[in-house]
Amino acid sequence: MDNILLSAALAFLITFFAIPVIIQITKSKKLFDEPDERKVHKTVIPTLGGVGIFAGFIVATLMGVPSSYTNELQYFAAASIVIFFLGLKDDILILSASKKFIGQLLAAGIIIKFGGIHLNNMHGFLGIDEIPRVASIVLTIFTIIVITNSFNLIDGVDGLAGSLGVLTTLVFGTYFYLAGQLTYAVMAFALAGSTIGFLIYNFSPAKIFMGDTGSLLLGLINSILVIKFINIAGNPAVKVPLEAAPAIGFAILMIPLFDTLRVFTLRILDRRSPFSPDRTHVHHFLLDIGFNHRMITLTCVGVNILFIAAAYFLRHMGTTAVLSILLSAAFILIGILYYSRPKAKITNISKKPLNNTSLLKPQKIFTLAQEAVEAD
């Protein structure tokens, strides 16, 4: 327990004291997130808050897990570093979706091949238990990629992605502590501590954004935690077994994961790239009916907690039944939100891809020529 608490505290302190320095650097280098037609903020905001999250997380995790305790931690750190530099380049420059995808595939490959993280059992979902190795690898890659991007896509209003990240990591961390999984408990609580340190500066009104550097890291670590959770909790022989483990894992990530899968599906059905921009995320719906940033964040976190509680108390019904109930409730809620919006907002949702390619990524003010002119 001491390792877990010290890791969380260390991660919080590193991030908390690093963020003001990062804000100064981003302002001096003009690394801003500029507002556009899809953004909800109206002024330029410094980005790269994810650098502080990464620093707190990686240092605290490496110090909190004894060197002789686990073999897979070094590979998780390697995958995190890949995602860190991927997000950092995407925050400073514009990185194409294909290059981001390749980088995420590399990180997923490290986790699966060397870290030993993979989904090999559906635990009764649709009557399926053990699955073949090839199917297991494909499913695991899909899970890692989707969850990694889910926190990136839900990061649309102040404090939302960070608050959901704190919730998920605290839940996973608590379970792994009770199950005697020190490595994963330390990872979860270290990420929670660093994210809390960041949220102090990110909660509305935000002084800094986490950017892709932070959101992709949140997604990657949560993908590792949920896969390990399903494998551990779904085993009746472990210290704390849980029925319907996949459904509970899905519920823990309900808001970012369901929103991403829903939006990706709608875009593909509309013959668009799943990464094409629009205003169909749940936080856009809540903005349209008049919620402010704080209300959206608190509402989403509260609803996510209710989904976790529902999955836990209904777990004896089995994976398929619990997932069906969760998805039905989620579709009902999103339908209520959609039809509660003003009609003008509904009709303004474009079914065509935006022609302005500059909307594919927040604009960065990072020109040496501009700095030279200002210096003169």
Protein backbone atom coordinates (compact mmCIF):
# COMPACT_ATOMS: atom_id res chain seq x y z
CA MET A 1 0.00 0.00 0.00
CA ASP A 2 2.91 2.34 0.75
CA ASN A 3 4.20 1.99 -2.82
CA ILE A 4 0.78 2.90 -4.21
CA LEU A 5 0.27 5.96 -2.03
CA LEU A 6 3.81 7.23 -2.54
CA SER A 7 3.51 6.78 -6.31
CA ALA A 8 0.24 8.67 -6.43
CA ALA A 9 1.62 11.50 -4.28
CA LEU A 10 4.86 11.72 -6.27
CA ALA A 11 2.98 11.75 -9.59
CA PHE A 12 0.70 14.51 -8.32
CA LEU A 13 3.57 16.69 -7.09
CA ILE A 14 5.65 16.31 -10.27
CA THR A 15 2.72 17.22 -12.51
CA PHE A 16 1.42 19.99 -10.26
CA PHE A 17 4.75 21.81 -10.23
CA ALA A 18 5.57 21.04 -13.88
CA ILE A 19 2.38 22.52 -15.37
CA PRO A 20 3.15 26.21 -14.56
CA VAL A 21 6.55 25.82 -16.23
CA ILE A 22 4.93 24.20 -19.26
CA ILE A 23 2.39 27.03 -19.47
CA GLN A 24 5.22 29.60 -19.55
CA ILE A 25 7.08 27.67 -22.25
CA THR A 26 3.99 27.20 -24.43
CA LYS A 27 3.20 30.90 -24.18
CA SER A 28 6.75 31.92 -25.06
CA LYS A 29 6.82 29.52 -28.02
CA LYS A 30 3.20 30.29 -28.98
CA LEU A 31 2.08 26.67 -28.81
CA PHE A 32 -1.62 27.42 -28.61
CA ASP A 33 -4.83 25.61 -29.43
CA GLU A 34 -6.70 28.06 -31.63
CA PRO A 35 -10.52 28.25 -31.68
CA ASP A 36 -12.38 27.31 -34.86
CA GLU A 37 -15.88 26.32 -35.97
CA ARG A 38 -15.88 23.12 -33.92
CA LYS A 39 -14.09 24.33 -30.79
CA VAL A 40 -16.00 25.38 -27.69
CA HIS A 41 -13.37 27.80 -26.40
CA LYS A 42 -13.15 31.31 -27.84
CA THR A 43 -9.56 32.25 -26.99
CA VAL A 44 -6.17 30.65 -27.58
CA ILE A 45 -5.19 28.21 -24.81
CA PRO A 46 -1.72 26.76 -24.17
CA THR A 47 -1.43 23.07 -24.93
CA LEU A 48 1.14 20.36 -24.03
CA GLY A 49 -0.30 19.74 -20.56
CA GLY A 50 0.16 16.06 -21.36
CA VAL A 51 3.91 16.52 -20.97
CA GLY A 52 3.35 17.15 -17.27
CA ILE A 53 1.00 14.17 -16.98
CA PHE A 54 3.53 11.90 -18.67
CA ALA A 55 6.40 13.11 -16.48
CA GLY A 56 4.50 12.51 -13.27
CA PHE A 57 3.16 9.14 -14.39
CA ILE A 58 6.36 7.60 -15.76
CA VAL A 59 8.63 8.69 -12.89
CA ALA A 60 6.17 7.65 -10.17
CA THR A 61 5.42 4.30 -11.81
CA LEU A 62 9.06 3.36 -12.33
CA MET A 63 9.88 4.31 -8.74
CA GLY A 64 6.77 2.71 -7.23
CA VAL A 65 7.11 -0.77 -8.72
CA PRO A 66 10.07 -2.78 -7.33
CA SER A 67 12.54 -3.66 -10.09
CA SER A 68 12.37 -7.38 -9.28
CA TYR A 69 8.58 -7.48 -9.04
CA THR A 70 7.53 -7.59 -12.68
CA ASN A 71 8.90 -8.12 -16.16
CA GLU A 72 6.21 -6.39 -18.24
CA LEU A 73 6.55 -2.88 -16.77
CA GLN A 74 9.52 -2.00 -18.98
CA TYR A 75 7.44 -2.77 -22.07
CA PHE A 76 4.51 -0.70 -20.83
CA ALA A 77 6.96 2.16 -20.30
CA ALA A 78 8.31 1.67 -23.83
CA ALA A 79 4.81 1.78 -25.32
CA SER A 80 4.04 4.88 -23.26
CA ILE A 81 7.14 6.61 -24.59
CA VAL A 82 6.09 5.79 -28.17
CA ILE A 83 2.66 7.33 -27.52
CA PHE A 84 4.22 10.29 -25.74
CA PHE A 85 6.39 11.28 -28.70
CA LEU A 86 3.53 10.56 -31.09
CA GLY A 87 1.25 12.91 -29.18
CA LEU A 88 3.98 15.50 -28.68
CA LYS A 89 4.67 15.75 -32.40
CA ASP A 90 0.93 15.92 -33.09
CA ASP A 91 0.55 18.77 -30.59
CA ILE A 92 3.46 20.81 -31.97
CA LEU A 93 3.13 19.96 -35.66
CA ILE A 94 0.36 18.41 -37.73
CA LEU A 95 0.60 14.61 -37.90
CA SER A 96 -1.48 12.71 -40.44
CA ALA A 97 -4.06 10.19 -39.25
CA SER A 98 -2.18 7.36 -40.98
CA LYS A 99 1.06 8.13 -39.13
CA LYS A 100 -0.79 8.36 -35.83
CA PHE A 101 -2.39 5.00 -36.54
CA ILE A 102 0.97 3.39 -37.33
CA GLY A 103 2.42 4.76 -34.09
CA GLN A 104 -0.51 3.39 -32.12
CA LEU A 105 -0.12 0.01 -33.82
CA LEU A 106 3.54 -0.01 -32.77
CA ALA A 107 2.62 0.72 -29.16
CA ALA A 108 -0.09 -1.96 -29.26
CA GLY A 109 2.39 -4.46 -30.72
CA ILE A 110 4.85 -3.82 -27.88
CA ILE A 111 2.10 -4.31 -25.29
CA ILE A 112 0.84 -7.54 -26.85
CA LYS A 113 4.11 -9.15 -27.94
CA PHE A 114 6.34 -8.26 -25.00
CA GLY A 115 3.93 -7.13 -22.28
CA GLY A 116 1.77 -10.24 -22.57
CA ILE A 117 -1.48 -8.26 -22.63
CA HIS A 118 -4.17 -9.85 -24.77
CA LEU A 119 -7.86 -10.80 -24.67
CA ASN A 120 -8.17 -14.56 -25.04
CA ASN A 121 -11.54 -15.17 -23.39
CA MET A 122 -14.94 -13.53 -23.93
CA HIS A 123 -16.23 -14.91 -20.61
CA GLY A 124 -19.57 -16.03 -21.99
CA PHE A 125 -20.37 -13.02 -24.17
CA LEU A 126 -22.72 -14.31 -26.91
CA GLY A 127 -21.89 -17.79 -25.66
CA ILE A 128 -18.18 -17.43 -26.49
CA ASP A 129 -15.43 -18.29 -24.02
CA GLU A 130 -11.95 -19.17 -25.30
CA ILE A 131 -11.05 -17.62 -28.66
CA PRO A 132 -8.28 -18.57 -31.16
CA ARG A 133 -4.93 -16.81 -30.90
CA VAL A 134 -5.27 -14.90 -34.16
CA ALA A 135 -8.71 -13.65 -33.19
CA SER A 136 -7.32 -12.77 -29.76
CA ILE A 137 -4.54 -10.63 -31.27
CA VAL A 138 -6.92 -8.84 -33.65
CA LEU A 139 -9.43 -8.17 -30.86
CA THR A 140 -6.71 -6.90 -28.53
CA ILE A 141 -5.29 -4.53 -31.16
CA PHE A 142 -8.78 -3.23 -31.88
CA THR A 143 -9.43 -2.72 -28.16
CA ILE A 144 -6.17 -0.85 -27.58
CA ILE A 145 -6.61 1.40 -30.62
CA VAL A 146 -10.24 2.27 -29.84
CA ILE A 147 -9.66 2.99 -26.14
CA THR A 148 -6.48 4.96 -26.87
CA ASN A 149 -8.44 7.22 -29.24
CA SER A 150 -11.54 7.38 -27.04
CA PHE A 151 -9.94 9.72 -24.50
CA ASN A 152 -8.56 11.82 -27.33
CA LEU A 153 -12.02 12.23 -28.87
CA ILE A 154 -13.84 12.90 -25.59
CA ASP A 155 -11.36 15.68 -24.76
CA GLY A 156 -13.68 18.45 -25.96
CA VAL A 157 -14.51 20.55 -22.90
CA ASP A 158 -12.54 21.70 -19.89
CA GLY A 159 -11.81 18.93 -17.40
CA LEU A 160 -13.85 16.19 -19.11
CA ALA A 161 -11.17 13.75 -20.32
CA GLY A 162 -9.07 14.30 -17.21
CA SER A 163 -11.99 13.77 -14.81
CA LEU A 164 -13.07 10.59 -16.60
CA GLY A 165 -9.45 9.44 -16.56
CA VAL A 166 -9.24 9.96 -12.81
CA LEU A 167 -12.46 7.99 -12.30
CA THR A 168 -11.39 5.03 -14.44
CA THR A 169 -7.87 4.79 -13.01
CA LEU A 170 -9.10 5.02 -9.41
CA VAL A 171 -11.60 2.21 -10.03
CA PHE A 172 -9.04 0.01 -11.76
CA GLY A 173 -6.38 0.85 -9.18
CA THR A 174 -8.67 -0.06 -6.28
CA TYR A 175 -9.51 -3.42 -7.83
CA PHE A 176 -5.88 -4.27 -8.58
CA TYR A 177 -4.91 -3.34 -5.01
CA LEU A 178 -7.59 -5.67 -3.63
CA ALA A 179 -6.54 -8.39 -6.10
CA GLY A 180 -2.86 -8.11 -5.08
CA GLN A 181 -1.67 -6.83 -8.49
CA LEU A 182 0.92 -4.26 -7.35
CA THR A 183 2.26 -3.29 -10.79
CA TYR A 184 -1.14 -2.39 -12.20
CA ALA A 185 -2.30 -0.74 -8.99
CA VAL A 186 0.76 1.52 -9.01
CA MET A 187 0.28 2.34 -12.69
CA ALA A 188 -3.38 3.23 -12.12
CA PHE A 189 -2.86 5.37 -9.03
CA ALA A 190 0.21 7.08 -10.50
CA LEU A 191 -1.81 8.10 -13.56
CA ALA A 192 -4.66 9.22 -11.32
CA GLY A 193 -2.29 11.34 -9.23
CA SER A 194 -0.66 13.02 -12.22
CA THR A 195 -4.04 13.67 -13.84
CA ILE A 196 -5.38 15.27 -10.66
CA GLY A 197 -2.32 17.52 -10.61
CA PHE A 198 -3.14 18.55 -14.18
CA LEU A 199 -6.87 19.02 -13.56
CA ILE A 200 -6.17 21.82 -11.09
CA TYR A 201 -5.11 23.89 -14.11
CA ASN A 202 -7.54 22.34 -16.61
CA PHE A 203 -10.88 22.48 -14.84
CA SER A 204 -13.09 25.25 -16.24
CA PRO A 205 -11.90 27.84 -17.01
CA ALA A 206 -8.89 25.95 -18.33
CA LYS A 207 -5.42 27.49 -18.19
CA ILE A 208 -3.94 24.68 -20.29
CA PHE A 209 -5.07 21.66 -22.34
CA MET A 210 -3.60 18.16 -22.12
CA GLY A 211 -3.42 17.86 -25.91
CA ASP A 212 -2.91 14.58 -27.71
CA THR A 213 0.16 13.95 -25.55
CA GLY A 214 -2.04 13.56 -22.48
CA SER A 215 -5.24 12.14 -23.95
CA LEU A 216 -3.47 9.39 -25.92
CA LEU A 217 -1.49 8.42 -22.81
CA LEU A 218 -4.69 8.25 -20.76
CA GLY A 219 -6.24 6.02 -23.39
CA LEU A 220 -3.24 3.73 -23.75
CA ILE A 221 -2.84 3.07 -20.02
CA ASN A 222 -6.58 2.55 -19.60
CA SER A 223 -6.52 0.00 -22.44
CA ILE A 224 -3.81 -1.95 -20.60
CA LEU A 225 -5.72 -1.73 -17.32
CA VAL A 226 -9.07 -2.84 -18.73
CA ILE A 227 -7.63 -5.84 -20.59
CA LYS A 228 -5.73 -6.94 -17.49
CA PHE A 229 -8.87 -6.34 -15.41
CA ILE A 230 -10.95 -8.60 -17.67
CA ASN A 231 -8.32 -11.34 -17.58
CA ILE A 232 -7.86 -11.19 -13.81
CA ALA A 233 -11.44 -10.56 -12.66
CA GLY A 234 -12.85 -13.15 -15.06
CA ASN A 235 -10.74 -15.91 -13.52
CA PRO A 236 -12.69 -17.68 -10.73
CA ALA A 237 -9.42 -18.78 -9.08
CA VAL A 238 -8.12 -15.25 -8.37
CA LYS A 239 -8.38 -13.38 -5.09
CA VAL A 240 -11.27 -11.11 -6.17
CA PRO A 241 -13.21 -12.76 -9.01
CA LEU A 242 -16.06 -10.89 -10.68
CA GLU A 243 -18.77 -12.29 -12.89
CA ALA A 244 -19.39 -10.51 -16.21
CA ALA A 245 -15.91 -8.99 -16.08
CA PRO A 246 -16.00 -7.71 -19.72
CA ALA A 247 -19.28 -5.90 -19.04
CA ILE A 248 -17.90 -4.28 -15.89
CA GLY A 249 -14.73 -3.27 -17.75
CA PHE A 250 -16.86 -1.73 -20.50
CA ALA A 251 -18.94 0.11 -17.89
CA ILE A 252 -15.85 1.60 -16.25
CA LEU A 253 -14.94 3.17 -19.61
CA MET A 254 -18.57 3.72 -20.61
CA ILE A 255 -18.67 7.42 -21.53
CA PRO A 256 -15.49 7.68 -23.66
CA LEU A 257 -15.76 4.17 -25.12
CA PHE A 258 -19.45 4.20 -26.05
CA ASP A 259 -19.22 7.72 -27.45
CA THR A 260 -16.24 6.77 -29.64
CA LEU A 261 -17.80 3.56 -30.94
CA ARG A 262 -21.08 5.38 -31.67
CA VAL A 263 -19.42 8.27 -33.50
CA PHE A 264 -17.08 5.99 -35.46
CA THR A 265 -20.02 3.83 -36.54
CA LEU A 266 -22.10 6.82 -37.66
CA ARG A 267 -19.21 8.26 -39.68
CA ILE A 268 -18.46 4.95 -41.38
CA LEU A 269 -22.15 4.42 -42.22
CA ASP A 270 -22.11 7.94 -43.67
CA ARG A 271 -19.13 6.91 -45.83
CA ARG A 272 -16.73 9.20 -44.04
CA SER A 273 -13.45 8.60 -42.30
CA PRO A 274 -14.02 7.65 -38.65
CA PHE A 275 -11.55 10.42 -37.77
CA SER A 276 -13.37 13.15 -39.75
CA PRO A 277 -14.43 16.08 -37.52
CA ASP A 278 -18.00 16.94 -36.61
CA ARG A 279 -20.16 17.94 -33.65
CA THR A 280 -21.81 14.64 -32.79
CA HIS A 281 -20.02 13.82 -29.52
CA VAL A 282 -21.99 13.67 -26.30
CA HIS A 283 -20.36 16.85 -24.97
CA HIS A 284 -21.52 18.71 -28.09
CA PHE A 285 -25.10 17.59 -27.43
CA LEU A 286 -24.87 18.78 -23.83
CA LEU A 287 -23.42 22.12 -24.95
CA ASP A 288 -26.29 22.55 -27.40
CA ILE A 289 -28.93 22.16 -24.69
CA GLY A 290 -27.24 24.79 -22.54
CA PHE A 291 -24.82 22.96 -20.23
CA ASN A 292 -21.56 24.72 -19.36
CA HIS A 293 -18.18 23.01 -19.07
CA ARG A 294 -18.45 22.21 -15.37
CA MET A 295 -21.97 20.85 -15.73
CA ILE A 296 -20.94 18.63 -18.66
CA THR A 297 -17.94 17.22 -16.79
CA LEU A 298 -19.87 16.52 -13.59
CA THR A 299 -22.79 15.03 -15.52
CA CYS A 300 -20.63 12.68 -17.57
CA VAL A 301 -18.65 11.53 -14.54
CA GLY A 302 -21.86 11.02 -12.55
CA VAL A 303 -23.50 9.02 -15.33
CA ASN A 304 -20.35 6.93 -15.74
CA ILE A 305 -20.45 6.10 -12.02
CA LEU A 306 -24.06 4.98 -12.36
CA PHE A 307 -23.12 2.68 -15.24
CA ILE A 308 -20.30 1.15 -13.16
CA ALA A 309 -22.66 0.59 -10.23
CA ALA A 310 -25.31 -0.94 -12.51
CA ALA A 311 -22.81 -3.34 -14.10
CA TYR A 312 -21.47 -4.39 -10.70
CA PHE A 313 -24.87 -5.09 -9.12
CA LEU A 314 -26.21 -6.83 -12.24
CA ARG A 315 -23.07 -8.93 -12.83
CA HIS A 316 -24.81 -12.19 -11.84
CA MET A 317 -26.97 -11.89 -14.99
CA GLY A 318 -23.96 -12.67 -17.18
CA THR A 319 -21.84 -10.72 -19.64
CA THR A 320 -24.28 -10.69 -22.56
CA ALA A 321 -27.29 -9.58 -20.49
CA VAL A 322 -25.37 -6.85 -18.63
CA LEU A 323 -23.82 -5.46 -21.81
CA SER A 324 -27.23 -5.46 -23.50
CA ILE A 325 -28.74 -3.51 -20.60
CA LEU A 326 -25.86 -1.03 -20.54
CA LEU A 327 -25.95 -0.40 -24.29
CA SER A 328 -29.75 -0.07 -24.32
CA ALA A 329 -29.61 2.49 -21.52
CA ALA A 330 -26.80 4.37 -23.28
CA PHE A 331 -28.72 4.55 -26.56
CA ILE A 332 -31.84 5.77 -24.77
CA LEU A 333 -29.89 8.50 -22.99
CA ILE A 334 -28.11 9.64 -26.16
CA GLY A 335 -31.43 9.65 -28.01
CA ILE A 336 -32.99 11.85 -25.33
CA LEU A 337 -30.03 14.24 -25.57
CA TYR A 338 -30.19 14.34 -29.36
CA TYR A 339 -33.88 15.15 -29.57
CA SER A 340 -33.69 17.63 -26.66
CA ARG A 341 -31.42 19.88 -28.69
CA PRO A 342 -32.78 22.89 -30.61
CA LYS A 343 -33.92 21.93 -34.11
CA ALA A 344 -31.46 24.37 -35.68
CA LYS A 345 -28.61 22.53 -33.99
CA ILE A 346 -29.85 19.17 -35.26
CA THR A 347 -30.17 20.28 -38.86
CA ASN A 348 -26.72 21.89 -38.78
CA ILE A 349 -24.93 18.57 -38.29
CA SER A 350 -23.20 18.06 -41.62
CA LYS A 351 -23.37 14.65 -43.24
CA LYS A 352 -20.53 15.53 -45.54
CA PRO A 353 -16.83 15.65 -44.72
CA LEU A 354 -15.52 19.12 -44.06
CA ASN A 355 -13.48 20.47 -46.95
CA ASN A 356 -11.31 22.64 -44.77
CA THR A 357 -8.49 20.28 -43.91
CA SER A 358 -7.21 22.70 -41.30
CA LEU A 359 -10.04 21.52 -39.05
CA LEU A 360 -8.57 18.06 -38.82
CA LYS A 361 -6.17 19.22 -36.13
CA PRO A 362 -5.96 22.20 -33.75
CA GLN A 363 -3.83 24.92 -35.24
CA LYS A 364 -0.43 25.59 -33.70
CA ILE A 365 1.21 28.99 -33.78
CA PHE A 366 4.76 27.86 -34.17
CA THR A 367 6.53 29.94 -36.78
CA LEU A 368 10.08 31.14 -36.29
CA ALA A 369 9.42 33.93 -38.74
CA GLN A 370 6.70 35.36 -36.55
CA GLU A 371 8.95 35.19 -33.51
CA ALA A 372 11.71 36.98 -35.41
CA VAL A 373 9.34 39.77 -36.42
CA GLU A 374 8.15 40.17 -32.83
CA ALA A 375 11.72 40.18 -31.58
CA ASP A 376 12.56 43.02 -33.97
